[in-house]
Amino acid sequence: MPDSPPPLVAVAHGSRDPRAAATIEELLDCVRRRAVSLGLGGLTVSTAYLGHSPPSPAQVLGALPGGPVVVLPLLLTAAYHSKSDLPAALHAASARQDGRMEIAYGQPLGPHPLLITALERRLGEAGVSPGDRSTSVVLAAAGSSDPAATAAISRLAAQWRVLRDWRDVVPAYASAAGPAPAEAVSALLAGGARRVVVASYLLAPGRFAEQVRADAIAAGAAAVSAVLGAAPELADIVLSRYAAARAQLAAAARIA
């Protein structure tokens, strides 16, 4: 009988808004269903949160019996949480296990080509056809003080502009960086754009998503897409990141 796949601990940002946790669980339910179709029916998927709601990564990892485990940050860019505080929490959790747990830390959700597909799915649901040359798009991310994270959003916007031949695609940020989505909408309209829409590069509903929608509509946006949420493309990214991290575990075992 083949060994069971190592468990997956998916770590989301966390929010006081209960809709956020519900959306994360919906996404991970999709991951579980797609895992079965890939022959990973024995995969255990657990959820942890960096803040605002339990359980914490330490609590989830502490409840596991030891052995190999894959931890994935459910974050759309590599920034402070994925680079600093989550790795520190994993190191502490591993130390408490006295060497009985081997943790493979996977990559965040973005960047990944399927994210553009997911963004277009949500825009389509808002009545926006991909690649309309008369339409300018504001790519609205949460924002970060990490220059590498904002640079990644800028690259994604540029790639999407070339891929679909939109009139324009510009990055914007709900916090910690500029321009704000409403400012980007206003600037595009002032620059002659006939139609401006906002693509929400946000994982779950909450304060940022509501702020982006309200401010962008007030600034003249024709449409604002829903958060990415449980888009099937995101489930596929999670499983792709899981497979890569699992391969790290296998390689380390062969070396040992």
Protein backbone atom coordinates (compact mmCIF):
# COMPACT_ATOMS: atom_id res chain seq x y z
CA MET A 1 0.00 0.00 0.00
CA PRO A 2 1.53 3.37 -0.98
CA ASP A 3 2.44 5.86 1.74
CA SER A 4 -0.12 8.55 2.42
CA PRO A 5 0.86 11.96 1.02
CA PRO A 6 2.26 14.35 3.61
CA PRO A 7 -0.41 16.60 5.11
CA LEU A 8 -0.91 20.09 3.78
CA VAL A 9 -1.22 23.07 6.11
CA ALA A 10 -2.51 26.08 4.19
CA VAL A 11 -1.84 29.37 5.99
CA ALA A 12 -4.03 32.37 5.16
CA HIS A 13 -3.69 35.95 6.37
CA GLY A 14 -6.77 35.88 8.58
CA SER A 15 -9.54 38.44 9.05
CA ARG A 16 -12.13 39.49 11.59
CA ASP A 17 -14.69 39.24 8.78
CA PRO A 18 -16.23 35.73 8.96
CA ARG A 19 -16.71 35.74 5.18
CA ALA A 20 -12.94 35.55 4.75
CA ALA A 21 -12.59 32.26 6.65
CA ALA A 22 -15.64 30.86 4.87
CA THR A 23 -14.05 31.72 1.51
CA ILE A 24 -10.74 30.08 2.49
CA GLU A 25 -12.60 26.91 3.51
CA GLU A 26 -14.47 26.93 0.21
CA LEU A 27 -11.17 27.16 -1.65
CA LEU A 28 -9.65 24.31 0.35
CA ASP A 29 -12.75 22.16 -0.22
CA CYS A 30 -12.07 22.68 -3.92
CA VAL A 31 -8.44 21.65 -3.32
CA ARG A 32 -9.59 18.45 -1.62
CA ARG A 33 -11.93 17.55 -4.49
CA ARG A 34 -9.27 18.18 -7.12
CA ALA A 35 -6.71 16.23 -5.07
CA VAL A 36 -8.95 13.16 -5.28
CA SER A 37 -9.08 13.48 -9.07
CA LEU A 38 -5.26 13.55 -9.09
CA GLY A 39 -4.98 10.36 -7.04
CA LEU A 40 -4.29 12.17 -3.76
CA GLY A 41 -7.40 10.99 -1.99
CA GLY A 42 -5.46 10.50 1.24
CA LEU A 43 -4.31 14.11 1.39
CA THR A 44 -5.16 15.85 4.67
CA VAL A 45 -5.66 19.60 4.27
CA SER A 46 -5.72 21.85 7.34
CA THR A 47 -6.19 25.60 7.62
CA ALA A 48 -4.24 28.03 9.78
CA TYR A 49 -4.27 31.83 10.03
CA LEU A 50 -1.54 34.35 10.65
CA GLY A 51 -3.82 36.51 12.77
CA HIS A 52 -7.32 37.69 13.69
CA SER A 53 -8.77 34.17 13.86
CA PRO A 54 -7.69 30.73 15.07
CA PRO A 55 -6.07 28.33 14.66
CA SER A 56 -2.50 29.59 14.35
CA PRO A 57 0.16 27.68 12.37
CA ALA A 58 1.75 26.58 15.66
CA GLN A 59 -1.56 25.18 16.89
CA VAL A 60 -2.18 23.21 13.71
CA LEU A 61 1.38 21.88 13.47
CA GLY A 62 1.38 21.02 17.18
CA ALA A 63 -1.65 18.79 16.66
CA LEU A 64 0.11 16.75 13.97
CA PRO A 65 1.94 13.57 14.98
CA GLY A 66 5.24 14.52 13.37
CA GLY A 67 6.87 13.38 10.16
CA PRO A 68 6.88 15.30 6.87
CA VAL A 69 4.40 18.13 6.31
CA VAL A 70 3.94 20.73 3.60
CA VAL A 71 3.10 24.31 4.62
CA LEU A 72 1.83 26.71 1.97
CA PRO A 73 1.18 30.44 2.39
CA LEU A 74 -2.20 31.34 0.86
CA LEU A 75 -0.83 34.73 -0.09
CA LEU A 76 -0.89 36.34 -3.53
CA THR A 77 2.59 37.86 -3.32
CA ALA A 78 5.82 37.13 -1.51
CA ALA A 79 6.10 39.85 1.14
CA TYR A 80 6.72 40.19 4.86
CA HIS A 81 4.32 37.46 5.98
CA SER A 82 5.71 34.83 3.61
CA LYS A 83 9.34 35.90 3.99
CA SER A 84 9.63 36.59 7.70
CA ASP A 85 6.92 35.93 10.26
CA LEU A 86 5.57 32.65 8.85
CA PRO A 87 9.05 31.06 8.43
CA ALA A 88 9.84 32.14 12.00
CA ALA A 89 6.64 30.51 13.26
CA LEU A 90 7.48 27.31 11.37
CA HIS A 91 11.00 27.23 12.80
CA ALA A 92 9.61 27.56 16.32
CA ALA A 93 7.00 24.86 15.70
CA SER A 94 9.64 22.50 14.33
CA ALA A 95 11.86 23.10 17.37
CA ARG A 96 9.00 22.20 19.70
CA GLN A 97 8.66 18.88 17.87
CA ASP A 98 12.26 17.97 18.83
CA GLY A 99 13.15 17.03 15.27
CA ARG A 100 10.13 14.75 14.78
CA MET A 101 8.64 17.02 12.09
CA GLU A 102 10.14 17.83 8.71
CA ILE A 103 8.52 20.92 7.21
CA ALA A 104 8.65 21.76 3.50
CA TYR A 105 7.70 25.40 3.01
CA GLY A 106 6.10 26.05 -0.36
CA GLN A 107 5.79 29.16 -2.49
CA PRO A 108 2.93 31.68 -2.19
CA LEU A 109 0.13 31.60 -4.75
CA GLY A 110 1.62 34.37 -6.87
CA PRO A 111 3.14 34.93 -9.24
CA HIS A 112 1.61 32.17 -11.38
CA PRO A 113 0.18 32.22 -14.94
CA LEU A 114 -3.14 30.79 -13.77
CA LEU A 115 -3.81 33.90 -11.72
CA ILE A 116 -4.48 35.84 -14.91
CA THR A 117 -7.01 33.17 -15.90
CA ALA A 118 -8.67 33.51 -12.50
CA LEU A 119 -8.74 37.31 -12.78
CA GLU A 120 -10.40 37.01 -16.19
CA ARG A 121 -12.91 34.54 -14.79
CA ARG A 122 -13.99 37.08 -12.17
CA LEU A 123 -14.07 39.94 -14.66
CA GLY A 124 -16.20 37.80 -16.98
CA GLU A 125 -18.65 37.26 -14.13
CA ALA A 126 -18.82 41.06 -13.84
CA GLY A 127 -19.68 41.35 -17.54
CA VAL A 128 -16.21 42.30 -18.83
CA SER A 129 -14.84 40.43 -21.84
CA PRO A 130 -11.08 39.75 -21.70
CA GLY A 131 -8.96 41.75 -24.10
CA ASP A 132 -11.43 44.51 -24.97
CA ARG A 133 -9.18 47.17 -26.55
CA SER A 134 -11.51 49.95 -25.43
CA THR A 135 -11.17 48.91 -21.78
CA SER A 136 -8.50 49.90 -19.29
CA VAL A 137 -7.97 47.70 -16.25
CA VAL A 138 -6.89 48.64 -12.75
CA LEU A 139 -5.23 45.65 -11.07
CA ALA A 140 -6.12 46.26 -7.42
CA ALA A 141 -3.92 44.46 -4.88
CA ALA A 142 -3.87 44.71 -1.11
CA GLY A 143 -0.51 46.48 -1.11
CA SER A 144 2.77 46.00 0.73
CA SER A 145 5.69 48.06 1.96
CA ASP A 146 7.99 45.44 0.39
CA PRO A 147 9.29 46.87 -2.92
CA ALA A 148 9.65 43.35 -4.34
CA ALA A 149 5.94 42.70 -3.77
CA THR A 150 4.82 45.89 -5.52
CA ALA A 151 7.26 45.15 -8.36
CA ALA A 152 5.64 41.73 -8.77
CA ILE A 153 2.20 43.34 -9.14
CA SER A 154 3.61 45.79 -11.71
CA ARG A 155 5.08 42.89 -13.71
CA LEU A 156 1.76 41.04 -13.59
CA ALA A 157 -0.04 44.13 -14.89
CA ALA A 158 2.45 44.53 -17.74
CA GLN A 159 2.22 40.85 -18.67
CA TRP A 160 -1.57 40.95 -18.69
CA ARG A 161 -1.58 44.07 -20.87
CA VAL A 162 0.58 42.36 -23.49
CA LEU A 163 -1.21 39.01 -23.27
CA ARG A 164 -4.73 40.33 -23.83
CA ASP A 165 -4.14 43.66 -25.58
CA TRP A 166 -6.23 45.67 -23.14
CA ARG A 167 -6.01 49.43 -23.70
CA ASP A 168 -4.01 49.53 -20.48
CA VAL A 169 -3.47 47.61 -17.24
CA VAL A 170 -2.16 49.58 -14.28
CA PRO A 171 -1.39 48.39 -10.74
CA ALA A 172 -3.00 49.93 -7.68
CA TYR A 173 -2.98 49.19 -3.97
CA ALA A 174 -5.53 49.32 -1.17
CA SER A 175 -2.85 50.15 1.40
CA ALA A 176 0.89 50.64 2.03
CA ALA A 177 1.66 51.75 -1.55
CA GLY A 178 0.21 53.93 -4.28
CA PRO A 179 -1.73 54.72 -6.28
CA ALA A 180 -4.98 53.76 -4.61
CA PRO A 181 -7.46 52.01 -6.93
CA ALA A 182 -9.76 55.05 -7.05
CA GLU A 183 -6.80 57.28 -7.95
CA ALA A 184 -5.84 54.90 -10.75
CA VAL A 185 -9.41 54.89 -12.08
CA SER A 186 -9.55 58.69 -12.06
CA ALA A 187 -6.16 59.00 -13.78
CA LEU A 188 -7.13 56.61 -16.56
CA LEU A 189 -10.42 58.40 -17.19
CA ALA A 190 -8.66 61.76 -17.19
CA GLY A 191 -6.17 60.34 -19.68
CA GLY A 192 -8.89 59.51 -22.19
CA ALA A 193 -9.92 55.94 -21.29
CA ARG A 194 -13.48 55.30 -22.45
CA ARG A 195 -14.09 52.49 -19.95
CA VAL A 196 -12.21 51.55 -16.80
CA VAL A 197 -12.77 48.35 -14.83
CA VAL A 198 -11.13 47.08 -11.66
CA ALA A 199 -9.80 43.54 -11.28
CA SER A 200 -9.64 42.61 -7.61
CA TYR A 201 -6.35 40.88 -6.91
CA LEU A 202 -7.56 39.89 -3.46
CA LEU A 203 -8.08 36.41 -2.09
CA ALA A 204 -11.06 36.87 0.23
CA PRO A 205 -13.79 39.38 1.07
CA GLY A 206 -13.28 41.91 3.81
CA ARG A 207 -12.44 45.54 4.46
CA PHE A 208 -10.01 45.93 1.57
CA ALA A 209 -12.39 44.40 -0.97
CA GLU A 210 -15.27 46.60 0.17
CA GLN A 211 -13.07 49.70 0.18
CA VAL A 212 -11.77 48.99 -3.33
CA ARG A 213 -15.28 48.45 -4.71
CA ALA A 214 -16.89 51.49 -3.12
CA ASP A 215 -14.06 53.90 -3.91
CA ALA A 216 -13.56 52.65 -7.48
CA ILE A 217 -17.26 52.89 -8.36
CA ALA A 218 -17.38 56.39 -6.88
CA ALA A 219 -14.38 57.33 -9.05
CA GLY A 220 -16.17 56.17 -12.21
CA ALA A 221 -15.22 52.51 -12.67
CA ALA A 222 -17.68 50.66 -14.90
CA ALA A 223 -17.23 47.37 -13.06
CA VAL A 224 -15.31 45.86 -10.15
CA SER A 225 -14.71 42.12 -10.12
CA ALA A 226 -15.26 39.90 -7.10
CA VAL A 227 -12.33 38.56 -5.07
CA LEU A 228 -10.54 35.52 -6.46
CA GLY A 229 -11.85 33.28 -3.68
CA ALA A 230 -12.47 29.66 -4.57
CA ALA A 231 -11.70 30.01 -8.27
CA PRO A 232 -10.67 26.57 -9.58
CA GLU A 233 -7.45 28.06 -10.91
CA LEU A 234 -6.39 28.87 -7.35
CA ALA A 235 -7.05 25.29 -6.26
CA ASP A 236 -4.82 24.12 -9.11
CA ILE A 237 -2.09 26.54 -8.00
CA VAL A 238 -2.29 25.22 -4.43
CA LEU A 239 -1.85 21.65 -5.66
CA SER A 240 1.00 22.69 -7.95
CA ARG A 241 2.78 24.38 -5.04
CA TYR A 242 2.09 21.31 -2.90
CA ALA A 243 3.61 19.00 -5.51
CA ALA A 244 6.76 21.14 -5.72
CA ALA A 245 7.17 21.20 -1.93
CA ARG A 246 6.50 17.48 -1.69
CA ALA A 247 9.26 16.90 -4.24
CA GLN A 248 11.61 18.81 -1.91
CA LEU A 249 10.75 16.38 0.87
CA ALA A 250 11.38 13.39 -1.39
CA ALA A 251 14.73 14.80 -2.54
CA ALA A 252 15.81 15.43 1.05
CA ALA A 253 14.84 11.88 2.01
CA ARG A 254 16.94 10.44 -0.84
CA ILE A 255 19.95 12.51 0.20
CA ALA A 256 19.54 11.42 3.82
